[in-house]
Amino acid sequence: MVSLRHRKKQKRSLERHETQLLARNAVKFLIEESLKFRLTNPQRSQELFHAAQKIGKRGRFHLPHKYRFLFCWYCHYPLSIETTKIRLNSKKHQIHYLCLNCKKEKRYGYLYSRKKKMEE
């Protein structure tokens, strides 16, 4: 027989799971809308992305990984060809993104060691 305390705990975890699903769907919708405004109205796009990020923080989950390079890490400005400079550093195996809005640079590493491991 399941105790009353255990039932309450199960109910809370189900409620938390449902709210997290709703939050994830809301974040996905806001980011998609933000991408629609990316080229025409960058400020609106920035506001929508910031709202999505706030919902993600409240829901305690990260934003989807595929949207990682579409917005500036610091000012949340949408990155495009006109607003970004991209460089490759082959010695350190890094990609450098320079936001022309806030003039800050974000570096992301790429794995070169996988290729070596596959050849061996």
C-alpha atoms as a PDB file:
ATOM      1  CA  MET A   1       0.000   0.000   0.000  1.00  0.00           C
ATOM      2  CA  VAL A   2       1.295   3.425  -0.976  1.00  0.00           C
ATOM      3  CA  SER A   3       1.473   5.992   1.787  1.00  0.00           C
ATOM      4  CA  LEU A   4      -0.230   9.370   1.602  1.00  0.00           C
ATOM      5  CA  ARG A   5       3.113  11.139   1.703  1.00  0.00           C
ATOM      6  CA  HIS A   6       4.346   9.193  -1.334  1.00  0.00           C
ATOM      7  CA  ARG A   7       1.154  10.044  -3.284  1.00  0.00           C
ATOM      8  CA  LYS A   8       1.615  13.757  -2.604  1.00  0.00           C
ATOM      9  CA  LYS A   9       5.217  13.542  -3.767  1.00  0.00           C
ATOM     10  CA  GLN A  10       4.152  11.790  -6.991  1.00  0.00           C
ATOM     11  CA  LYS A  11       1.476  14.408  -7.612  1.00  0.00           C
ATOM     12  CA  ARG A  12       3.968  17.262  -7.140  1.00  0.00           C
ATOM     13  CA  SER A  13       6.458  15.680  -9.524  1.00  0.00           C
ATOM     14  CA  LEU A  14       3.750  15.195 -12.172  1.00  0.00           C
ATOM     15  CA  GLU A  15       2.657  18.826 -11.787  1.00  0.00           C
ATOM     16  CA  ARG A  16       6.262  19.991 -12.068  1.00  0.00           C
ATOM     17  CA  HIS A  17       6.740  17.881 -15.193  1.00  0.00           C
ATOM     18  CA  GLU A  18       3.592  19.311 -16.808  1.00  0.00           C
ATOM     19  CA  THR A  19       4.574  22.905 -16.051  1.00  0.00           C
ATOM     20  CA  GLN A  20       8.057  22.263 -17.406  1.00  0.00           C
ATOM     21  CA  LEU A  21       6.574  20.923 -20.652  1.00  0.00           C
ATOM     22  CA  LEU A  22       4.403  24.036 -20.965  1.00  0.00           C
ATOM     23  CA  ALA A  23       7.414  26.248 -20.306  1.00  0.00           C
ATOM     24  CA  ARG A  24       9.515  24.416 -22.911  1.00  0.00           C
ATOM     25  CA  ASN A  25       6.776  24.856 -25.514  1.00  0.00           C
ATOM     26  CA  ALA A  26       6.464  28.558 -24.651  1.00  0.00           C
ATOM     27  CA  VAL A  27      10.235  29.025 -24.959  1.00  0.00           C
ATOM     28  CA  LYS A  28      10.316  27.256 -28.299  1.00  0.00           C
ATOM     29  CA  PHE A  29       7.448  29.411 -29.589  1.00  0.00           C
ATOM     30  CA  LEU A  30       9.075  32.655 -28.387  1.00  0.00           C
ATOM     31  CA  ILE A  31      12.402  31.788 -29.987  1.00  0.00           C
ATOM     32  CA  GLU A  32      10.728  30.890 -33.286  1.00  0.00           C
ATOM     33  CA  GLU A  33       8.882  34.231 -33.232  1.00  0.00           C
ATOM     34  CA  SER A  34      12.142  35.964 -32.378  1.00  0.00           C
ATOM     35  CA  LEU A  35      13.794  34.413 -35.422  1.00  0.00           C
ATOM     36  CA  LYS A  36      11.011  35.776 -37.644  1.00  0.00           C
ATOM     37  CA  PHE A  37      11.794  39.338 -36.509  1.00  0.00           C
ATOM     38  CA  ARG A  38      15.573  38.843 -36.601  1.00  0.00           C
ATOM     39  CA  LEU A  39      16.265  40.731 -39.825  1.00  0.00           C
ATOM     40  CA  THR A  40      13.342  43.169 -39.921  1.00  0.00           C
ATOM     41  CA  ASN A  41      13.097  44.315 -36.286  1.00  0.00           C
ATOM     42  CA  PRO A  42      16.160  43.340 -34.181  1.00  0.00           C
ATOM     43  CA  GLN A  43      14.934  45.086 -31.009  1.00  0.00           C
ATOM     44  CA  ARG A  44      11.680  43.096 -31.031  1.00  0.00           C
ATOM     45  CA  SER A  45      13.670  39.931 -31.630  1.00  0.00           C
ATOM     46  CA  GLN A  46      15.916  40.783 -28.695  1.00  0.00           C
ATOM     47  CA  GLU A  47      12.917  41.322 -26.394  1.00  0.00           C
ATOM     48  CA  LEU A  48      11.325  38.011 -27.377  1.00  0.00           C
ATOM     49  CA  PHE A  49      14.572  36.128 -26.824  1.00  0.00           C
ATOM     50  CA  HIS A  50      15.024  37.774 -23.426  1.00  0.00           C
ATOM     51  CA  ALA A  51      11.477  36.731 -22.450  1.00  0.00           C
ATOM     52  CA  ALA A  52      12.213  33.156 -23.551  1.00  0.00           C
ATOM     53  CA  GLN A  53      15.380  33.153 -21.500  1.00  0.00           C
ATOM     54  CA  LYS A  54      13.507  34.361 -18.403  1.00  0.00           C
ATOM     55  CA  ILE A  55      10.937  31.576 -18.760  1.00  0.00           C
ATOM     56  CA  GLY A  56      13.772  29.076 -19.154  1.00  0.00           C
ATOM     57  CA  LYS A  57      15.425  30.299 -15.959  1.00  0.00           C
ATOM     58  CA  ARG A  58      12.180  30.046 -14.014  1.00  0.00           C
ATOM     59  CA  GLY A  59      11.569  26.571 -15.403  1.00  0.00           C
ATOM     60  CA  ARG A  60      15.159  25.577 -14.527  1.00  0.00           C
ATOM     61  CA  PHE A  61      16.191  24.332 -17.944  1.00  0.00           C
ATOM     62  CA  HIS A  62      18.543  25.457 -20.674  1.00  0.00           C
ATOM     63  CA  LEU A  63      17.451  26.894 -23.975  1.00  0.00           C
ATOM     64  CA  PRO A  64      17.513  24.504 -26.948  1.00  0.00           C
ATOM     65  CA  HIS A  65      21.054  23.865 -28.152  1.00  0.00           C
ATOM     66  CA  LYS A  66      20.345  24.595 -31.814  1.00  0.00           C
ATOM     67  CA  TYR A  67      19.667  28.283 -31.028  1.00  0.00           C
ATOM     68  CA  ARG A  68      23.036  28.760 -29.335  1.00  0.00           C
ATOM     69  CA  PHE A  69      24.762  30.652 -32.145  1.00  0.00           C
ATOM     70  CA  LEU A  70      21.799  32.750 -33.292  1.00  0.00           C
ATOM     71  CA  PHE A  71      21.920  35.347 -30.512  1.00  0.00           C
ATOM     72  CA  CYS A  72      24.716  37.259 -28.799  1.00  0.00           C
ATOM     73  CA  TRP A  73      25.662  35.714 -25.480  1.00  0.00           C
ATOM     74  CA  TYR A  74      25.979  39.098 -23.766  1.00  0.00           C
ATOM     75  CA  CYS A  75      23.391  41.511 -25.231  1.00  0.00           C
ATOM     76  CA  HIS A  76      20.975  38.903 -26.730  1.00  0.00           C
ATOM     77  CA  TYR A  77      21.040  40.765 -30.039  1.00  0.00           C
ATOM     78  CA  PRO A  78      20.185  38.530 -33.016  1.00  0.00           C
ATOM     79  CA  LEU A  79      23.302  37.581 -34.946  1.00  0.00           C
ATOM     80  CA  SER A  80      23.302  37.766 -38.717  1.00  0.00           C
ATOM     81  CA  ILE A  81      25.830  38.443 -41.458  1.00  0.00           C
ATOM     82  CA  GLU A  82      25.532  42.203 -40.898  1.00  0.00           C
ATOM     83  CA  THR A  83      25.873  42.093 -37.101  1.00  0.00           C
ATOM     84  CA  THR A  84      28.649  39.525 -36.629  1.00  0.00           C
ATOM     85  CA  LYS A  85      32.246  38.861 -37.527  1.00  0.00           C
ATOM     86  CA  ILE A  86      33.227  35.205 -37.447  1.00  0.00           C
ATOM     87  CA  ARG A  87      36.821  33.980 -37.332  1.00  0.00           C
ATOM     88  CA  LEU A  88      38.384  30.563 -37.050  1.00  0.00           C
ATOM     89  CA  ASN A  89      41.418  29.946 -34.873  1.00  0.00           C
ATOM     90  CA  SER A  90      42.839  26.681 -36.131  1.00  0.00           C
ATOM     91  CA  LYS A  91      45.692  26.602 -33.615  1.00  0.00           C
ATOM     92  CA  LYS A  92      43.366  26.643 -30.611  1.00  0.00           C
ATOM     93  CA  HIS A  93      40.464  24.962 -32.449  1.00  0.00           C
ATOM     94  CA  GLN A  94      38.044  27.772 -31.696  1.00  0.00           C
ATOM     95  CA  ILE A  95      35.370  29.755 -33.509  1.00  0.00           C
ATOM     96  CA  HIS A  96      35.293  33.452 -32.540  1.00  0.00           C
ATOM     97  CA  TYR A  97      32.010  35.344 -32.834  1.00  0.00           C
ATOM     98  CA  LEU A  98      32.307  39.151 -32.511  1.00  0.00           C
ATOM     99  CA  CYS A  99      29.002  40.948 -31.964  1.00  0.00           C
ATOM    100  CA  LEU A 100      29.121  44.328 -33.693  1.00  0.00           C
ATOM    101  CA  ASN A 101      26.348  45.638 -31.434  1.00  0.00           C
ATOM    102  CA  CYS A 102      28.107  45.271 -28.061  1.00  0.00           C
ATOM    103  CA  LYS A 103      31.659  44.625 -29.388  1.00  0.00           C
ATOM    104  CA  LYS A 104      32.095  41.507 -27.261  1.00  0.00           C
ATOM    105  CA  GLU A 105      33.574  38.254 -28.442  1.00  0.00           C
ATOM    106  CA  LYS A 106      32.427  34.738 -27.630  1.00  0.00           C
ATOM    107  CA  ARG A 107      34.603  31.740 -28.341  1.00  0.00           C
ATOM    108  CA  TYR A 108      33.402  28.212 -28.941  1.00  0.00           C
ATOM    109  CA  GLY A 109      35.691  25.236 -29.282  1.00  0.00           C
ATOM    110  CA  TYR A 110      35.364  22.589 -31.918  1.00  0.00           C
ATOM    111  CA  LEU A 111      36.690  19.077 -31.545  1.00  0.00           C
ATOM    112  CA  TYR A 112      39.638  18.245 -33.697  1.00  0.00           C
ATOM    113  CA  SER A 113      40.572  15.191 -31.637  1.00  0.00           C
ATOM    114  CA  ARG A 114      37.588  13.152 -32.890  1.00  0.00           C
ATOM    115  CA  LYS A 115      39.010  13.137 -36.389  1.00  0.00           C
ATOM    116  CA  LYS A 116      42.374  11.863 -35.116  1.00  0.00           C
ATOM    117  CA  LYS A 117      40.680   9.155 -33.066  1.00  0.00           C
ATOM    118  CA  MET A 118      38.653   7.996 -36.057  1.00  0.00           C
ATOM    119  CA  GLU A 119      41.798   7.673 -38.214  1.00  0.00           C
ATOM    120  CA  GLU A 120      43.556   5.457 -35.638  1.00  0.00           C
END
